Amino acid sequence: MVIGDHQRFEGYSLLLCKEHATELSQLSPDFRTAFLRDMAMTAEAVERAFRPDKVNYELLGAGKGRHMHWHIFPRRNGDTPKPGPVWQVQDMNDDRYLPTEE
Protein backbone atom coordinates (compact mmCIF):
# COMPACT_ATOMS: atom_id res chain seq x y z
CA MET A 1 0.00 0.00 0.00
CA VAL A 2 1.20 3.50 -0.80
CA ILE A 3 -0.33 6.87 -0.17
CA GLY A 4 -1.38 8.64 -3.35
CA ASP A 5 0.98 11.19 -4.88
CA HIS A 6 -1.73 13.84 -4.53
CA GLN A 7 -4.23 14.13 -1.70
CA ARG A 8 -7.13 16.02 -3.27
CA PHE A 9 -9.17 13.30 -1.53
CA GLU A 10 -7.44 13.16 1.83
CA GLY A 11 -6.28 9.62 2.54
CA TYR A 12 -6.26 8.53 -1.11
CA SER A 13 -4.19 5.34 -1.28
CA LEU A 14 -3.20 2.64 -3.72
CA LEU A 15 -2.74 -1.06 -3.17
CA LEU A 16 -0.42 -2.57 -5.76
CA CYS A 17 -0.66 -6.24 -6.69
CA LYS A 18 2.59 -8.08 -5.93
CA GLU A 19 2.07 -10.37 -8.93
CA HIS A 20 2.09 -9.12 -12.49
CA ALA A 21 -1.47 -9.58 -13.65
CA THR A 22 -4.15 -7.49 -15.30
CA GLU A 23 -7.22 -9.38 -14.05
CA LEU A 24 -8.32 -10.91 -10.74
CA SER A 25 -9.11 -14.09 -12.68
CA GLN A 26 -5.40 -14.47 -13.52
CA LEU A 27 -4.42 -14.83 -9.86
CA SER A 28 -4.34 -18.17 -8.09
CA PRO A 29 -7.35 -18.56 -5.77
CA ASP A 30 -5.23 -18.27 -2.61
CA PHE A 31 -3.34 -15.21 -3.82
CA ARG A 32 -6.57 -13.58 -5.03
CA THR A 33 -8.17 -14.11 -1.63
CA ALA A 34 -5.13 -12.59 0.09
CA PHE A 35 -5.09 -9.63 -2.32
CA LEU A 36 -8.77 -8.90 -1.69
CA ARG A 37 -8.24 -9.25 2.06
CA ASP A 38 -5.33 -6.77 1.85
CA MET A 39 -7.59 -4.35 -0.04
CA ALA A 40 -10.25 -4.57 2.67
CA MET A 41 -7.66 -4.10 5.42
CA THR A 42 -6.18 -1.09 3.63
CA ALA A 43 -9.63 0.46 3.26
CA GLU A 44 -10.34 -0.19 6.94
CA ALA A 45 -7.10 1.59 7.93
CA VAL A 46 -8.00 4.55 5.69
CA GLU A 47 -11.49 4.69 7.24
CA ARG A 48 -10.09 4.71 10.78
CA ALA A 49 -7.43 7.32 10.02
CA PHE A 50 -9.46 9.73 7.88
CA ARG A 51 -13.11 9.14 8.89
CA PRO A 52 -14.67 9.64 5.44
CA ASP A 53 -18.40 9.51 4.77
CA LYS A 54 -17.82 6.77 2.17
CA VAL A 55 -14.94 4.88 0.59
CA ASN A 56 -14.80 4.28 -3.16
CA TYR A 57 -12.74 1.42 -4.61
CA GLU A 58 -11.55 1.12 -8.17
CA LEU A 59 -9.50 -1.74 -9.58
CA LEU A 60 -7.43 -0.65 -12.57
CA GLY A 61 -4.57 -2.05 -14.57
CA ALA A 62 -5.03 -1.17 -18.22
CA GLY A 63 -2.71 1.82 -18.24
CA LYS A 64 1.04 2.09 -18.41
CA GLY A 65 2.62 -1.22 -17.45
CA ARG A 66 -0.76 -3.00 -17.37
CA HIS A 67 -0.38 -3.92 -13.72
CA MET A 68 -3.41 -4.43 -11.47
CA HIS A 69 -3.83 -1.99 -8.57
CA TRP A 70 -6.63 -0.68 -6.34
CA HIS A 71 -7.39 3.01 -5.95
CA ILE A 72 -8.95 3.69 -2.56
CA PHE A 73 -10.68 7.07 -2.38
CA PRO A 74 -12.04 8.38 0.93
CA ARG A 75 -15.09 10.43 -0.01
CA ARG A 76 -16.85 13.22 1.82
CA ASN A 77 -20.17 14.84 1.12
CA GLY A 78 -19.60 17.76 -1.25
CA ASP A 79 -16.01 16.82 -2.20
CA THR A 80 -16.78 17.11 -5.92
CA PRO A 81 -18.61 19.90 -7.78
CA LYS A 82 -21.52 17.54 -8.43
CA PRO A 83 -22.19 14.01 -7.18
CA GLY A 84 -20.28 11.40 -9.12
CA PRO A 85 -16.88 9.82 -9.61
CA VAL A 86 -13.62 11.43 -8.51
CA TRP A 87 -12.40 11.49 -12.10
CA GLN A 88 -14.63 14.50 -12.84
CA VAL A 89 -12.37 16.70 -10.68
CA GLN A 90 -10.00 18.71 -12.86
CA ASP A 91 -7.49 19.64 -10.13
CA MET A 92 -6.97 16.16 -8.67
CA ASN A 93 -3.24 16.18 -9.51
CA ASP A 94 -2.55 19.79 -8.61
CA ASP A 95 0.66 20.20 -6.60
CA ARG A 96 -1.20 22.01 -3.83
CA TYR A 97 -2.46 18.52 -2.88
CA LEU A 98 0.98 16.97 -2.44
CA PRO A 99 1.27 15.15 0.90
CA THR A 100 2.88 17.05 3.75
CA GLU A 101 4.95 15.77 6.65
CA GLU A 102 1.75 15.69 8.73
PDB file of N, CA and C in Angstrom:
ATOM      1  N   MET A   1       0.850  -1.167   0.000  1.00  0.00           N
ATOM      2  CA  MET A   1       0.000   0.000   0.000  1.00  0.00           C
ATOM      3  C   MET A   1       0.892   1.224   0.000  1.00  0.00           C
ATOM      4  N   VAL A   2       0.508   2.213  -0.781  1.00  0.00           N
ATOM      5  CA  VAL A   2       1.202   3.496  -0.805  1.00  0.00           C
ATOM      6  C   VAL A   2       0.161   4.605  -0.748  1.00  0.00           C
ATOM      7  N   ILE A   3       0.559   5.714  -0.166  1.00  0.00           N
ATOM      8  CA  ILE A   3      -0.326   6.873  -0.167  1.00  0.00           C
ATOM      9  C   ILE A   3      -0.247   7.510  -1.554  1.00  0.00           C
ATOM     10  N   GLY A   4      -1.351   8.040  -2.017  1.00  0.00           N
ATOM     11  CA  GLY A   4      -1.382   8.645  -3.346  1.00  0.00           C
ATOM     12  C   GLY A   4      -0.462   9.840  -3.456  1.00  0.00           C
ATOM     13  N   ASP A   5       0.077  10.060  -4.651  1.00  0.00           N
ATOM     14  CA  ASP A   5       0.980  11.186  -4.883  1.00  0.00           C
ATOM     15  C   ASP A   5       0.324  12.523  -4.576  1.00  0.00           C
ATOM     16  N   HIS A   6      -0.972  12.620  -4.803  1.00  0.00           N
ATOM     17  CA  HIS A   6      -1.733  13.837  -4.525  1.00  0.00           C
ATOM     18  C   HIS A   6      -2.895  13.484  -3.613  1.00  0.00           C
ATOM     19  N   GLN A   7      -3.219  14.383  -2.716  1.00  0.00           N
ATOM     20  CA  GLN A   7      -4.226  14.125  -1.696  1.00  0.00           C
ATOM     21  C   GLN A   7      -5.437  15.038  -1.836  1.00  0.00           C
ATOM     22  N   ARG A   8      -5.895  15.248  -3.054  1.00  0.00           N
ATOM     23  CA  ARG A   8      -7.128  16.020  -3.275  1.00  0.00           C
ATOM     24  C   ARG A   8      -8.261  15.387  -2.475  1.00  0.00           C
ATOM     25  N   PHE A   9      -8.236  14.063  -2.374  1.00  0.00           N
ATOM     26  CA  PHE A   9      -9.166  13.299  -1.535  1.00  0.00           C
ATOM     27  C   PHE A   9      -8.318  12.748  -0.394  1.00  0.00           C
ATOM     28  N   GLU A  10      -8.340  13.459   0.735  1.00  0.00           N
ATOM     29  CA  GLU A  10      -7.438  13.164   1.834  1.00  0.00           C
ATOM     30  C   GLU A  10      -7.514  11.701   2.267  1.00  0.00           C
ATOM     31  N   GLY A  11      -6.361  11.038   2.213  1.00  0.00           N
ATOM     32  CA  GLY A  11      -6.277   9.623   2.541  1.00  0.00           C
ATOM     33  C   GLY A  11      -6.236   8.722   1.324  1.00  0.00           C
ATOM     34  N   TYR A  12      -6.303   9.307   0.137  1.00  0.00           N
ATOM     35  CA  TYR A  12      -6.255   8.533  -1.107  1.00  0.00           C
ATOM     36  C   TYR A  12      -5.025   7.631  -1.093  1.00  0.00           C
ATOM     37  N   SER A  13      -5.259   6.341  -1.339  1.00  0.00           N
ATOM     38  CA  SER A  13      -4.194   5.345  -1.279  1.00  0.00           C
ATOM     39  C   SER A  13      -4.311   4.382  -2.443  1.00  0.00           C
ATOM     40  N   LEU A  14      -3.213   3.672  -2.685  1.00  0.00           N
ATOM     41  CA  LEU A  14      -3.200   2.642  -3.717  1.00  0.00           C
ATOM     42  C   LEU A  14      -2.662   1.351  -3.118  1.00  0.00           C
ATOM     43  N   LEU A  15      -3.229   0.261  -3.545  1.00  0.00           N
ATOM     44  CA  LEU A  15      -2.741  -1.062  -3.174  1.00  0.00           C
ATOM     45  C   LEU A  15      -2.296  -1.743  -4.463  1.00  0.00           C
ATOM     46  N   LEU A  16      -1.004  -1.999  -4.549  1.00  0.00           N
ATOM     47  CA  LEU A  16      -0.419  -2.569  -5.762  1.00  0.00           C
ATOM     48  C   LEU A  16      -0.350  -4.084  -5.631  1.00  0.00           C
ATOM     49  N   CYS A  17      -0.728  -4.780  -6.679  1.00  0.00           N
ATOM     50  CA  CYS A  17      -0.657  -6.238  -6.687  1.00  0.00           C
ATOM     51  C   CYS A  17       0.805  -6.667  -6.784  1.00  0.00           C
ATOM     52  N   LYS A  18       1.206  -7.613  -5.952  1.00  0.00           N
ATOM     53  CA  LYS A  18       2.594  -8.084  -5.935  1.00  0.00           C
ATOM     54  C   LYS A  18       2.897  -9.047  -7.081  1.00  0.00           C
ATOM     55  N   GLU A  19       1.883  -9.522  -7.746  1.00  0.00           N
ATOM     56  CA  GLU A  19       2.071 -10.368  -8.927  1.00  0.00           C
ATOM     57  C   GLU A  19       1.703  -9.562 -10.157  1.00  0.00           C
ATOM     58  N   HIS A  20       2.408  -9.818 -11.254  1.00  0.00           N
ATOM     59  CA  HIS A  20       2.093  -9.116 -12.490  1.00  0.00           C
ATOM     60  C   HIS A  20       0.878  -9.785 -13.130  1.00  0.00           C
ATOM     61  N   ALA A  21      -0.230  -9.088 -13.070  1.00  0.00           N
ATOM     62  CA  ALA A  21      -1.474  -9.584 -13.654  1.00  0.00           C
ATOM     63  C   ALA A  21      -2.337  -8.381 -13.993  1.00  0.00           C
ATOM     64  N   THR A  22      -3.240  -8.565 -14.934  1.00  0.00           N
ATOM     65  CA  THR A  22      -4.146  -7.490 -15.301  1.00  0.00           C
ATOM     66  C   THR A  22      -5.576  -7.762 -14.849  1.00  0.00           C
ATOM     67  N   GLU A  23      -5.860  -9.002 -14.442  1.00  0.00           N
ATOM     68  CA  GLU A  23      -7.224  -9.377 -14.046  1.00  0.00           C
ATOM     69  C   GLU A  23      -7.190 -10.221 -12.779  1.00  0.00           C
ATOM     70  N   LEU A  24      -8.201 -10.061 -11.934  1.00  0.00           N
ATOM     71  CA  LEU A  24      -8.316 -10.911 -10.741  1.00  0.00           C
ATOM     72  C   LEU A  24      -8.349 -12.383 -11.121  1.00  0.00           C
ATOM     73  N   SER A  25      -8.968 -12.688 -12.245  1.00  0.00           N
ATOM     74  CA  SER A  25      -9.106 -14.085 -12.677  1.00  0.00           C
ATOM     75  C   SER A  25      -7.766 -14.729 -13.013  1.00  0.00           C
ATOM     76  N   GLN A  26      -6.724 -13.930 -13.199  1.00  0.00           N
ATOM     77  CA  GLN A  26      -5.398 -14.466 -13.517  1.00  0.00           C
ATOM     78  C   GLN A  26      -4.611 -14.862 -12.266  1.00  0.00           C
ATOM     79  N   LEU A  27      -5.113 -14.507 -11.109  1.00  0.00           N
ATOM     80  CA  LEU A  27      -4.419 -14.829  -9.864  1.00  0.00           C
ATOM     81  C   LEU A  27      -4.853 -16.201  -9.362  1.00  0.00           C
ATOM     82  N   SER A  28      -3.952 -16.895  -8.700  1.00  0.00           N
ATOM     83  CA  SER A  28      -4.342 -18.172  -8.091  1.00  0.00           C
ATOM     84  C   SER A  28      -5.397 -17.876  -7.028  1.00  0.00           C
ATOM     85  N   PRO A  29      -6.290 -18.813  -6.752  1.00  0.00           N
ATOM     86  CA  PRO A  29      -7.351 -18.558  -5.771  1.00  0.00           C
ATOM     87  C   PRO A  29      -6.822 -18.078  -4.416  1.00  0.00           C
ATOM     88  N   ASP A  30      -5.755 -18.688  -3.906  1.00  0.00           N
ATOM     89  CA  ASP A  30      -5.227 -18.275  -2.605  1.00  0.00           C
ATOM     90  C   ASP A  30      -4.656 -16.861  -2.648  1.00  0.00           C
ATOM     91  N   PHE A  31      -3.916 -16.543  -3.712  1.00  0.00           N
ATOM     92  CA  PHE A  31      -3.339 -15.206  -3.818  1.00  0.00           C
ATOM     93  C   PHE A  31      -4.435 -14.167  -4.002  1.00  0.00           C
ATOM     94  N   ARG A  32      -5.443 -14.497  -4.814  1.00  0.00           N
ATOM     95  CA  ARG A  32      -6.572 -13.579  -5.032  1.00  0.00           C
ATOM     96  C   ARG A  32      -7.281 -13.279  -3.725  1.00  0.00           C
ATOM     97  N   THR A  33      -7.520 -14.301  -2.923  1.00  0.00           N
ATOM     98  CA  THR A  33      -8.173 -14.107  -1.626  1.00  0.00           C
ATOM     99  C   THR A  33      -7.331 -13.193  -0.738  1.00  0.00           C
ATOM    100  N   ALA A  34      -6.021 -13.420  -0.724  1.00  0.00           N
ATOM    101  CA  ALA A  34      -5.133 -12.594   0.092  1.00  0.00           C
ATOM    102  C   ALA A  34      -5.112 -11.149  -0.411  1.00  0.00           C
ATOM    103  N   PHE A  35      -5.095 -10.964  -1.729  1.00  0.00           N
ATOM    104  CA  PHE A  35      -5.085  -9.630  -2.323  1.00  0.00           C
ATOM    105  C   PHE A  35      -6.364  -8.871  -1.959  1.00  0.00           C
ATOM    106  N   LEU A  36      -7.504  -9.532  -2.049  1.00  0.00           N
ATOM    107  CA  LEU A  36      -8.774  -8.896  -1.695  1.00  0.00           C
ATOM    108  C   LEU A  36      -8.843  -8.606  -0.195  1.00  0.00           C
ATOM    109  N   ARG A  37      -8.294  -9.487   0.612  1.00  0.00           N
ATOM    110  CA  ARG A  37      -8.241  -9.249   2.057  1.00  0.00           C
ATOM    111  C   ARG A  37      -7.365  -8.029   2.351  1.00  0.00           C
ATOM    112  N   ASP A  38      -6.216  -7.934   1.671  1.00  0.00           N
ATOM    113  CA  ASP A  38      -5.333  -6.773   1.852  1.00  0.00           C
ATOM    114  C   ASP A  38      -6.038  -5.484   1.458  1.00  0.00           C
ATOM    115  N   MET A  39      -6.841  -5.532   0.385  1.00  0.00           N
ATOM    116  CA  MET A  39      -7.587  -4.352  -0.043  1.00  0.00           C
ATOM    117  C   MET A  39      -8.569  -3.932   1.039  1.00  0.00           C
ATOM    118  N   ALA A  40      -9.279  -4.889   1.612  1.00  0.00           N
ATOM    119  CA  ALA A  40     -10.245  -4.570   2.666  1.00  0.00           C
ATOM    120  C   ALA A  40      -9.546  -4.017   3.908  1.00  0.00           C
ATOM    121  N   MET A  41      -8.401  -4.580   4.252  1.00  0.00           N
ATOM    122  CA  MET A  41      -7.658  -4.104   5.420  1.00  0.00           C
ATOM    123  C   MET A  41      -7.101  -2.696   5.177  1.00  0.00           C
ATOM    124  N   THR A  42      -6.658  -2.425   3.968  1.00  0.00           N
ATOM    125  CA  THR A  42      -6.176  -1.090   3.626  1.00  0.00           C
ATOM    126  C   THR A  42      -7.309  -0.083   3.737  1.00  0.00           C
ATOM    127  N   ALA A  43      -8.463  -0.424   3.193  1.00  0.00           N
ATOM    128  CA  ALA A  43      -9.626   0.463   3.262  1.00  0.00           C
ATOM    129  C   ALA A  43     -10.036   0.697   4.717  1.00  0.00           C
ATOM    130  N   GLU A  44      -9.988  -0.338   5.526  1.00  0.00           N
ATOM    131  CA  GLU A  44     -10.336  -0.187   6.942  1.00  0.00           C
ATOM    132  C   GLU A  44      -9.376   0.778   7.637  1.00  0.00           C
ATOM    133  N   ALA A  45      -8.084   0.674   7.345  1.00  0.00           N
ATOM    134  CA  ALA A  45      -7.099   1.589   7.926  1.00  0.00           C
ATOM    135  C   ALA A  45      -7.365   3.023   7.483  1.00  0.00           C
ATOM    136  N   VAL A  46      -7.690   3.212   6.202  1.00  0.00           N
ATOM    137  CA  VAL A  46      -7.999   4.546   5.686  1.00  0.00           C
ATOM    138  C   VAL A  46      -9.247   5.092   6.377  1.00  0.00           C
ATOM    139  N   GLU A  47     -10.270   4.256   6.550  1.00  0.00           N
ATOM    140  CA  GLU A  47     -11.486   4.690   7.240  1.00  0.00           C
ATOM    141  C   GLU A  47     -11.183   5.143   8.667  1.00  0.00           C
ATOM    142  N   ARG A  48     -10.411   4.365   9.379  1.00  0.00           N
ATOM    143  CA  ARG A  48     -10.087   4.706  10.775  1.00  0.00           C
ATOM    144  C   ARG A  48      -9.259   5.982  10.876  1.00  0.00           C
ATOM    145  N   ALA A  49      -8.326   6.160   9.958  1.00  0.00           N
ATOM    146  CA  ALA A  49      -7.432   7.316  10.022  1.00  0.00           C
ATOM    147  C   ALA A  49      -8.094   8.608   9.545  1.00  0.00           C
ATOM    148  N   PHE A  50      -8.954   8.521   8.523  1.00  0.00           N
ATOM    149  CA  PHE A  50      -9.462   9.728   7.881  1.00  0.00           C
ATOM    150  C   PHE A  50     -10.956   9.962   8.072  1.00  0.00           C
ATOM    151  N   ARG A  51     -11.682   9.005   8.583  1.00  0.00           N
ATOM    152  CA  ARG A  51     -13.112   9.141   8.891  1.00  0.00           C
ATOM    153  C   ARG A  51     -13.941   9.728   7.749  1.00  0.00           C
ATOM    154  N   PRO A  52     -13.865   9.127   6.552  1.00  0.00           N
ATOM    155  CA  PRO A  52     -14.670   9.639   5.438  1.00  0.00           C
ATOM    156  C   PRO A  52     -16.146   9.257   5.608  1.00  0.00           C
ATOM    157  N   ASP A  53     -16.988   9.886   4.805  1.00  0.00           N
ATOM    158  CA  ASP A  53     -18.402   9.515   4.771  1.00  0.00           C
ATOM    159  C   ASP A  53     -18.606   8.209   4.000  1.00  0.00           C
ATOM    160  N   LYS A  54     -17.721   7.933   3.057  1.00  0.00           N
ATOM    161  CA  LYS A  54     -17.825   6.774   2.174  1.00  0.00           C
ATOM    162  C   LYS A  54     -16.437   6.475   1.631  1.00  0.00           C
ATOM    163  N   VAL A  55     -16.183   5.241   1.258  1.00  0.00           N
ATOM    164  CA  VAL A  55     -14.938   4.877   0.588  1.00  0.00           C
ATOM    165  C   VAL A  55     -15.288   4.306  -0.781  1.00  0.00           C
ATOM    166  N   ASN A  56     -14.626   4.816  -1.817  1.00  0.00           N
ATOM    167  CA  ASN A  56     -14.796   4.278  -3.162  1.00  0.00           C
ATOM    168  C   ASN A  56     -13.567   3.435  -3.508  1.00  0.00           C
ATOM    169  N   TYR A  57     -13.801   2.338  -4.203  1.00  0.00           N
ATOM    170  CA  TYR A  57     -12.743   1.418  -4.610  1.00  0.00           C
ATOM    171  C   TYR A  57     -12.779   1.305  -6.129  1.00  0.00           C
ATOM    172  N   GLU A  58     -11.604   1.323  -6.730  1.00  0.00           N
ATOM    173  CA  GLU A  58     -11.551   1.120  -8.170  1.00  0.00           C
ATOM    174  C   GLU A  58     -10.329   0.258  -8.482  1.00  0.00           C
ATOM    175  N   LEU A  59     -10.570  -0.829  -9.186  1.00  0.00           N
ATOM    176  CA  LEU A  59      -9.504  -1.738  -9.584  1.00  0.00           C
ATOM    177  C   LEU A  59      -9.140  -1.436 -11.028  1.00  0.00           C
ATOM    178  N   LEU A  60      -7.895  -0.997 -11.238  1.00  0.00           N
ATOM    179  CA  LEU A  60      -7.425  -0.648 -12.569  1.00  0.00           C
ATOM    180  C   LEU A  60      -6.184  -1.463 -12.911  1.00  0.00           C
ATOM    181  N   GLY A  61      -5.761  -1.343 -14.147  1.00  0.00           N
ATOM    182  CA  GLY A  61      -4.568  -2.054 -14.566  1.00  0.00           C
ATOM    183  C   GLY A  61      -4.376  -2.039 -16.068  1.00  0.00           C
ATOM    184  N   ALA A  62      -5.122  -1.197 -16.769  1.00  0.00           N
ATOM    185  CA  ALA A  62      -5.028  -1.175 -18.224  1.00  0.00           C
ATOM    186  C   ALA A  62      -4.101  -0.076 -18.725  1.00  0.00           C
ATOM    187  N   GLY A  63      -3.569   0.722 -17.822  1.00  0.00           N
ATOM    188  CA  GLY A  63      -2.707   1.825 -18.242  1.00  0.00           C
ATOM    189  C   GLY A  63      -1.270   1.387 -18.432  1.00  0.00           C
ATOM    190  N   LYS A  64      -0.391   2.315 -18.250  1.00  0.00           N
ATOM    191  CA  LYS A  64       1.044   2.094 -18.406  1.00  0.00           C
ATOM    192  C   LYS A  64       1.485   0.899 -17.551  1.00  0.00           C
ATOM    193  N   GLY A  65       2.127  -0.062 -18.170  1.00  0.00           N
ATOM    194  CA  GLY A  65       2.618  -1.220 -17.450  1.00  0.00           C
ATOM    195  C   GLY A  65       1.595  -2.328 -17.265  1.00  0.00           C
ATOM    196  N   ARG A  66       0.320  -2.013 -17.483  1.00  0.00           N
ATOM    197  CA  ARG A  66      -0.760  -3.004 -17.374  1.00  0.00           C
ATOM    198  C   ARG A  66      -0.602  -3.880 -16.132  1.00  0.00           C
ATOM    199  N   HIS A  67      -0.565  -3.225 -14.984  1.00  0.00           N
ATOM    200  CA  HIS A  67      -0.379  -3.923 -13.723  1.00  0.00           C
ATOM    201  C   HIS A  67      -1.546  -3.579 -12.796  1.00  0.00           C
ATOM    202  N   MET A  68      -2.203  -4.598 -12.275  1.00  0.00           N
ATOM    203  CA  MET A  68      -3.406  -4.427 -11.469  1.00  0.00           C
ATOM    204  C   MET A  68      -3.096  -3.698 -10.158  1.00  0.00           C
ATOM    205  N   HIS A  69      -3.957  -2.726  -9.817  1.00  0.00           N
ATOM    206  CA  HIS A  69      -3.835  -1.992  -8.568  1.00  0.00           C
ATOM    207  C   HIS A  69      -5.188  -1.407  -8.173  1.00  0.00           C
ATOM    208  N   TRP A  70      -5.408  -1.282  -6.867  1.00  0.00           N
ATOM    209  CA  TRP A  70      -6.627  -0.683  -6.336  1.00  0.00           C
ATOM    210  C   TRP A  70      -6.392   0.789  -6.034  1.00  0.00           C
ATOM    211  N   HIS A  71      -7.333   1.630  -6.404  1.00  0.00           N
ATOM    212  CA  HIS A  71      -7.387   3.014  -5.946  1.00  0.00           C
ATOM    213  C   HIS A  71      -8.414   3.043  -4.823  1.00  0.00           C
ATOM    214  N   ILE A  72      -8.043   3.596  -3.701  1.00  0.00           N
ATOM    215  CA  ILE A  72      -8.949   3.693  -2.555  1.00  0.00           C
ATOM    216  C   ILE A  72      -9.138   5.175  -2.259  1.00  0.00           C
ATOM    217  N   PHE A  73     -10.358   5.654  -2.513  1.00  0.00           N
ATOM    218  CA  PHE A  73     -10.682   7.068  -2.381  1.00  0.00           C
ATOM    219  C   PHE A  73     -11.608   7.297  -1.191  1.00  0.00           C
ATOM    220  N   PRO A  74     -11.128   7.944  -0.127  1.00  0.00           N
ATOM    221  CA  PRO A  74     -12.042   8.376   0.932  1.00  0.00           C
ATOM    222  C   PRO A  74     -12.895   9.521   0.373  1.00  0.00           C
ATOM    223  N   ARG A  75     -14.188   9.420   0.534  1.00  0.00           N
ATOM    224  CA  ARG A  75     -15.091  10.435  -0.006  1.00  0.00           C
ATOM    225  C   ARG A  75     -15.821  11.146   1.121  1.00  0.00           C
ATOM    226  N   ARG A  76     -16.085  12.416   0.873  1.00  0.00           N
ATOM    227  CA  ARG A  76     -16.845  13.225   1.820  1.00  0.00           C
ATOM    228  C   ARG A  76     -17.959  13.928   1.069  1.00  0.00           C
ATOM    229  N   ASN A  77     -19.056  14.124   1.741  1.00  0.00           N
ATOM    230  CA  ASN A  77     -20.171  14.837   1.118  1.00  0.00           C
ATOM    231  C   ASN A  77     -19.679  16.185   0.612  1.00  0.00           C
ATOM    232  N   GLY A  78     -19.963  16.489  -0.661  1.00  0.00           N
ATOM    233  CA  GLY A  78     -19.598  17.764  -1.250  1.00  0.00           C
ATOM    234  C   GLY A  78     -18.156  17.874  -1.713  1.00  0.00           C
ATOM    235  N   ASP A  79     -17.432  16.746  -1.807  1.00  0.00           N
ATOM    236  CA  ASP A  79     -16.014  16.818  -2.201  1.00  0.00           C
ATOM    237  C   ASP A  79     -15.797  16.953  -3.700  1.00  0.00           C
ATOM    238  N   THR A  80     -16.859  16.883  -4.479  1.00  0.00           N
ATOM    239  CA  THR A  80     -16.784  17.115  -5.920  1.00  0.00           C
ATOM    240  C   THR A  80     -17.844  18.158  -6.288  1.00  0.00           C
ATOM    241  N   PRO A  81     -17.661  18.859  -7.399  1.00  0.00           N
ATOM    242  CA  PRO A  81     -18.614  19.904  -7.780  1.00  0.00           C
ATOM    243  C   PRO A  81     -20.051  19.398  -7.905  1.00  0.00           C
ATOM    244  N   LYS A  82     -20.202  18.168  -8.369  1.00  0.00           N
ATOM    245  CA  LYS A  82     -21.519  17.542  -8.431  1.00  0.00           C
ATOM    246  C   LYS A  82     -21.325  16.072  -8.054  1.00  0.00           C
ATOM    247  N   PRO A  83     -22.358  15.417  -7.562  1.00  0.00           N
ATOM    248  CA  PRO A  83     -22.194  14.009  -7.180  1.00  0.00           C
ATOM    249  C   PRO A  83     -21.701  13.175  -8.352  1.00  0.00           C
ATOM    250  N   GLY A  84     -20.804  12.258  -8.064  1.00  0.00           N
ATOM    251  CA  GLY A  84     -20.278  11.401  -9.115  1.00  0.00           C
ATOM    252  C   GLY A  84     -18.861  10.964  -8.817  1.00  0.00           C
ATOM    253  N   PRO A  85     -18.213  10.381  -9.822  1.00  0.00           N
ATOM    254  CA  PRO A  85     -16.878   9.823  -9.613  1.00  0.00           C
ATOM    255  C   PRO A  85     -15.813  10.899  -9.407  1.00  0.00           C
ATOM    256  N   VAL A  86     -14.728  10.498  -8.772  1.00  0.00           N
ATOM    257  CA  VAL A  86     -13.621  11.432  -8.512  1.00  0.00           C
ATOM    258  C   VAL A  86     -12.990  11.925  -9.797  1.00  0.00           C
ATOM    259  N   TRP A  87     -13.082  11.147 -10.850  1.00  0.00           N
ATOM    260  CA  TRP A  87     -12.396  11.489 -12.102  1.00  0.00           C
ATOM    261  C   TRP A  87     -12.951  12.747 -12.760  1.00  0.00           C
ATOM    262  N   GLN A  88     -14.090  13.258 -12.293  1.00  0.00           N
ATOM    263  CA  GLN A  88     -14.633  14.495 -12.841  1.00  0.00           C
ATOM    264  C   GLN A  88     -13.863  15.721 -12.340  1.00  0.00           C
ATOM    265  N   VAL A  89     -13.073  15.569 -11.291  1.00  0.00           N
ATOM    266  CA  VAL A  89     -12.372  16.698 -10.684  1.00  0.00           C
ATOM    267  C   VAL A  89     -11.144  17.043 -11.522  1.00  0.00           C
ATOM    268  N   GLN A  90     -11.078  18.278 -11.963  1.00  0.00           N
ATOM    269  CA  GLN A  90     -10.002  18.708 -12.858  1.00  0.00           C
ATOM    270  C   GLN A  90      -8.672  18.947 -12.142  1.00  0.00           C
ATOM    271  N   ASP A  91      -8.722  19.277 -10.848  1.00  0.00           N
ATOM    272  CA  ASP A  91      -7.495  19.640 -10.134  1.00  0.00           C
ATOM    273  C   ASP A  91      -6.960  18.510  -9.250  1.00  0.00           C
ATOM    274  N   MET A  92      -7.340  17.287  -9.531  1.00  0.00           N
ATOM    275  CA  MET A  92      -6.972  16.162  -8.673  1.00  0.00           C
ATOM    276  C   MET A  92      -5.458  16.010  -8.529  1.00  0.00           C
ATOM    277  N   ASN A  93      -4.690  16.344  -9.550  1.00  0.00           N
ATOM    278  CA  ASN A  93      -3.239  16.181  -9.510  1.00  0.00           C
ATOM    279  C   ASN A  93      -2.500  17.503  -9.362  1.00  0.00           C
ATOM    280  N   ASP A  94      -3.178  18.493  -8.842  1.00  0.00           N
ATOM    281  CA  ASP A  94      -2.552  19.792  -8.612  1.00  0.00           C
ATOM    282  C   ASP A  94      -1.548  19.665  -7.463  1.00  0.00           C
ATOM    283  N   ASP A  95      -0.403  20.313  -7.605  1.00  0.00           N
ATOM    284  CA  ASP A  95       0.656  20.203  -6.596  1.00  0.00           C
ATOM    285  C   ASP A  95       0.268  20.747  -5.228  1.00  0.00           C
ATOM    286  N   ARG A  96      -0.775  21.542  -5.151  1.00  0.00           N
ATOM    287  CA  ARG A  96      -1.196  22.005  -3.827  1.00  0.00           C
ATOM    288  C   ARG A  96      -1.747  20.850  -2.983  1.00  0.00           C
ATOM    289  N   TYR A  97      -1.976  19.703  -3.599  1.00  0.00           N
ATOM    290  CA  TYR A  97      -2.465  18.517  -2.883  1.00  0.00           C
ATOM    291  C   TYR A  97      -1.374  17.487  -2.630  1.00  0.00           C
ATOM    292  N   LEU A  98      -0.112  17.894  -2.784  1.00  0.00           N
ATOM    293  CA  LEU A  98       0.981  16.971  -2.444  1.00  0.00           C
ATOM    294  C   LEU A  98       0.948  16.687  -0.951  1.00  0.00           C
ATOM    295  N   PRO A  99       1.259  15.470  -0.538  1.00  0.00           N
ATOM    296  CA  PRO A  99       1.268  15.152   0.901  1.00  0.00           C
ATOM    297  C   PRO A  99       2.287  16.010   1.647  1.00  0.00           C
ATOM    298  N   THR A 100       1.975  16.298   2.889  1.00  0.00           N
ATOM    299  CA  THR A 100       2.875  17.053   3.751  1.00  0.00           C
ATOM    300  C   THR A 100       3.451  16.101   4.793  1.00  0.00           C
ATOM    301  N   GLU A 101       4.364  16.577   5.585  1.00  0.00           N
ATOM    302  CA  GLU A 101       4.949  15.766   6.653  1.00  0.00           C
ATOM    303  C   GLU A 101       3.880  15.284   7.634  1.00  0.00           C
ATOM    304  N   GLU A 102       2.829  16.077   7.820  1.00  0.00           N
ATOM    305  CA  GLU A 102       1.745  15.688   8.726  1.00  0.00           C
ATOM    306  C   GLU A 102       1.044  14.472   8.206  1.00  0.00           C
TER     307      GLU A 102
END
